[in-house]
C-alpha atoms as a PDB file:
ATOM      1  CA  MET A   1      -1.210  -7.473   0.440  1.00  0.00           C
ATOM      2  CA  ALA A   2       1.087 -10.074  -1.092  1.00  0.00           C
ATOM      3  CA  PHE A   3       3.232 -12.319   1.094  1.00  0.00           C
ATOM      4  CA  ASN A   4       6.875 -11.242   0.981  1.00  0.00           C
ATOM      5  CA  LEU A   5       8.841 -14.481   1.351  1.00  0.00           C
ATOM      6  CA  SER A   6      12.160 -12.769   0.682  1.00  0.00           C
ATOM      7  CA  GLY A   7      11.455 -10.209   3.397  1.00  0.00           C
ATOM      8  CA  VAL A   8      10.464 -12.887   5.911  1.00  0.00           C
ATOM      9  CA  LEU A   9      13.549 -14.973   5.141  1.00  0.00           C
ATOM     10  CA  GLY A  10      15.749 -11.886   5.468  1.00  0.00           C
ATOM     11  CA  LEU A  11      14.214 -11.131   8.863  1.00  0.00           C
ATOM     12  CA  VAL A  12      14.741 -14.711  10.076  1.00  0.00           C
ATOM     13  CA  ARG A  13      18.362 -14.632   8.874  1.00  0.00           C
ATOM     14  CA  MET A  14      18.940 -11.330  10.633  1.00  0.00           C
ATOM     15  CA  LEU A  15      17.430 -12.567  13.901  1.00  0.00           C
ATOM     16  CA  ALA A  16      19.443 -15.793  13.740  1.00  0.00           C
ATOM     17  CA  THR A  17      22.748 -14.018  13.078  1.00  0.00           C
ATOM     18  CA  PRO A  18      23.980 -11.971  16.049  1.00  0.00           C
ATOM     19  CA  SER A  19      26.236  -9.752  13.927  1.00  0.00           C
ATOM     20  CA  LEU A  20      23.247  -8.784  11.741  1.00  0.00           C
ATOM     21  CA  ARG A  21      20.857  -7.975  14.606  1.00  0.00           C
ATOM     22  CA  THR A  22      22.403  -4.565  15.130  1.00  0.00           C
ATOM     23  CA  LEU A  23      21.336  -3.614  11.605  1.00  0.00           C
ATOM     24  CA  ALA A  24      17.709  -3.524  12.750  1.00  0.00           C
ATOM     25  CA  MET A  25      18.339  -1.183  15.676  1.00  0.00           C
ATOM     26  CA  SER A  26      18.322   2.584  15.737  1.00  0.00           C
ATOM     27  CA  HIS A  27      21.869   3.749  16.300  1.00  0.00           C
ATOM     28  CA  VAL A  28      21.206   7.459  16.566  1.00  0.00           C
ATOM     29  CA  VAL A  29      18.108   9.280  17.823  1.00  0.00           C
ATOM     30  CA  VAL A  30      17.793  13.027  17.301  1.00  0.00           C
ATOM     31  CA  PRO A  31      14.894  15.499  17.446  1.00  0.00           C
ATOM     32  CA  SER A  32      15.487  16.518  13.826  1.00  0.00           C
ATOM     33  CA  LEU A  33      17.443  15.133  10.869  1.00  0.00           C
ATOM     34  CA  GLU A  34      19.103  18.520  10.536  1.00  0.00           C
ATOM     35  CA  ARG A  35      20.870  17.826  13.832  1.00  0.00           C
ATOM     36  CA  LEU A  36      22.744  14.851  12.397  1.00  0.00           C
ATOM     37  CA  ASP A  37      26.374  15.313  11.503  1.00  0.00           C
ATOM     38  CA  TRP A  38      26.634  13.001   8.495  1.00  0.00           C
ATOM     39  CA  CYS A  39      30.407  13.408   8.256  1.00  0.00           C
ATOM     40  CA  ALA A  40      30.811  12.420  11.910  1.00  0.00           C
ATOM     41  CA  LEU A  41      28.700   9.313  11.326  1.00  0.00           C
ATOM     42  CA  ARG A  42      30.850   8.393   8.336  1.00  0.00           C
ATOM     43  CA  ALA A  43      34.016   8.971  10.364  1.00  0.00           C
ATOM     44  CA  ALA A  44      32.582   6.774  13.148  1.00  0.00           C
ATOM     45  CA  GLY A  45      32.347   3.868  10.714  1.00  0.00           C
ATOM     46  CA  PHE A  46      28.808   4.095   9.365  1.00  0.00           C
ATOM     47  CA  ARG A  47      28.837   2.832   5.769  1.00  0.00           C
ATOM     48  CA  GLY A  48      25.236   3.648   4.875  1.00  0.00           C
ATOM     49  CA  ILE A  49      22.048   5.197   6.159  1.00  0.00           C
ATOM     50  CA  VAL A  50      18.493   3.841   6.367  1.00  0.00           C
ATOM     51  CA  LEU A  51      15.731   6.382   6.984  1.00  0.00           C
ATOM     52  CA  ASP A  52      12.018   5.904   7.593  1.00  0.00           C
ATOM     53  CA  LYS A  53       9.845   7.938   5.223  1.00  0.00           C
ATOM     54  CA  ASP A  54       6.691   8.108   7.309  1.00  0.00           C
ATOM     55  CA  ASN A  55       6.765  10.869   9.941  1.00  0.00           C
ATOM     56  CA  THR A  56      10.518  11.295   9.504  1.00  0.00           C
ATOM     57  CA  LEU A  57      10.925  12.671   6.006  1.00  0.00           C
ATOM     58  CA  THR A  58       7.249  13.397   5.356  1.00  0.00           C
ATOM     59  CA  LEU A  59       4.176  14.452   7.254  1.00  0.00           C
ATOM     60  CA  PRO A  60       1.632  11.674   7.897  1.00  0.00           C
ATOM     61  CA  GLU A  61      -0.079  10.410   4.727  1.00  0.00           C
ATOM     62  CA  MET A  62       2.087  12.605   2.471  1.00  0.00           C
ATOM     63  CA  MET A  63       4.625  11.707  -0.226  1.00  0.00           C
ATOM     64  CA  GLU A  64       6.610  14.966  -0.366  1.00  0.00           C
ATOM     65  CA  CYS A  65       9.510  15.532   2.014  1.00  0.00           C
ATOM     66  CA  VAL A  66       9.201  18.484   4.350  1.00  0.00           C
ATOM     67  CA  PRO A  67      11.758  21.219   3.469  1.00  0.00           C
ATOM     68  CA  SER A  68      14.024  20.555   6.464  1.00  0.00           C
ATOM     69  CA  ALA A  69      14.100  16.853   5.608  1.00  0.00           C
ATOM     70  CA  GLN A  70      14.934  17.662   1.970  1.00  0.00           C
ATOM     71  CA  ARG A  71      17.963  19.654   3.085  1.00  0.00           C
ATOM     72  CA  ALA A  72      19.078  16.922   5.496  1.00  0.00           C
ATOM     73  CA  LEU A  73      18.591  14.226   2.845  1.00  0.00           C
ATOM     74  CA  ARG A  74      20.705  16.167   0.343  1.00  0.00           C
ATOM     75  CA  SER A  75      23.461  16.535   2.940  1.00  0.00           C
ATOM     76  CA  CYS A  76      23.232  12.828   3.761  1.00  0.00           C
ATOM     77  CA  ALA A  77      23.485  11.898   0.063  1.00  0.00           C
ATOM     78  CA  GLU A  78      26.545  14.128  -0.351  1.00  0.00           C
ATOM     79  CA  VAL A  79      28.313  12.070   2.326  1.00  0.00           C
ATOM     80  CA  PHE A  80      26.931   8.567   1.712  1.00  0.00           C
ATOM     81  CA  GLY A  81      26.121   8.695  -2.008  1.00  0.00           C
ATOM     82  CA  ASP A  82      24.081   5.700  -3.143  1.00  0.00           C
ATOM     83  CA  ARG A  83      24.269   4.083   0.295  1.00  0.00           C
ATOM     84  CA  VAL A  84      21.105   5.836   1.493  1.00  0.00           C
ATOM     85  CA  SER A  85      17.878   3.835   1.717  1.00  0.00           C
ATOM     86  CA  ILE A  86      14.403   5.111   2.473  1.00  0.00           C
ATOM     87  CA  LEU A  87      11.893   2.678   3.931  1.00  0.00           C
ATOM     88  CA  SER A  88       8.141   3.041   4.326  1.00  0.00           C
ATOM     89  CA  ASN A  89       5.702   0.918   6.244  1.00  0.00           C
ATOM     90  CA  THR A  90       2.761   2.391   4.311  1.00  0.00           C
ATOM     91  CA  ALA A  91       3.955   2.169   0.686  1.00  0.00           C
ATOM     92  CA  GLY A  92       2.316  -0.842  -0.903  1.00  0.00           C
ATOM     93  CA  LEU A  93      -0.480  -1.140   1.657  1.00  0.00           C
ATOM     94  CA  ALA A  94      -3.923  -1.167   0.044  1.00  0.00           C
ATOM     95  CA  SER A  95      -5.157   1.329   2.637  1.00  0.00           C
ATOM     96  CA  HIS A  96      -2.449   3.857   1.767  1.00  0.00           C
ATOM     97  CA  ASP A  97      -1.162   2.960  -1.697  1.00  0.00           C
ATOM     98  CA  GLN A  98      -4.025   1.398  -3.619  1.00  0.00           C
ATOM     99  CA  ASP A  99      -2.319   1.303  -7.006  1.00  0.00           C
ATOM    100  CA  GLY A 100       1.169   0.491  -5.669  1.00  0.00           C
ATOM    101  CA  ALA A 101       2.659   3.729  -7.038  1.00  0.00           C
ATOM    102  CA  GLN A 102       4.372   4.631  -3.767  1.00  0.00           C
ATOM    103  CA  ALA A 103       5.924   1.203  -3.438  1.00  0.00           C
ATOM    104  CA  ALA A 104       7.155   1.427  -7.035  1.00  0.00           C
ATOM    105  CA  GLY A 105       8.717   4.817  -6.329  1.00  0.00           C
ATOM    106  CA  SER A 106       6.608   6.684  -8.860  1.00  0.00           C
END
């Protein structure tokens, strides 16, 4: 795995800046994405959404979203538009993504 200097510097900046630390914390915990009221989050001041792919949108070791997550993701995108990010801690790892296709989004 390649060293991600930009990612490390971003983490250090976030940890050193109190107002940025809250960006790395879960703000809402629910048993299912379908339980989230995206409009209520927007009304509460949320400007964007970051979701974890692995075991949230997909089953372990899979790339395809489970149907309930697909519906929730569509609803989220209707409210937040292009301010939705999906992160993965397995995309790009040689043990899970040998050719880097997942990390590239293909």
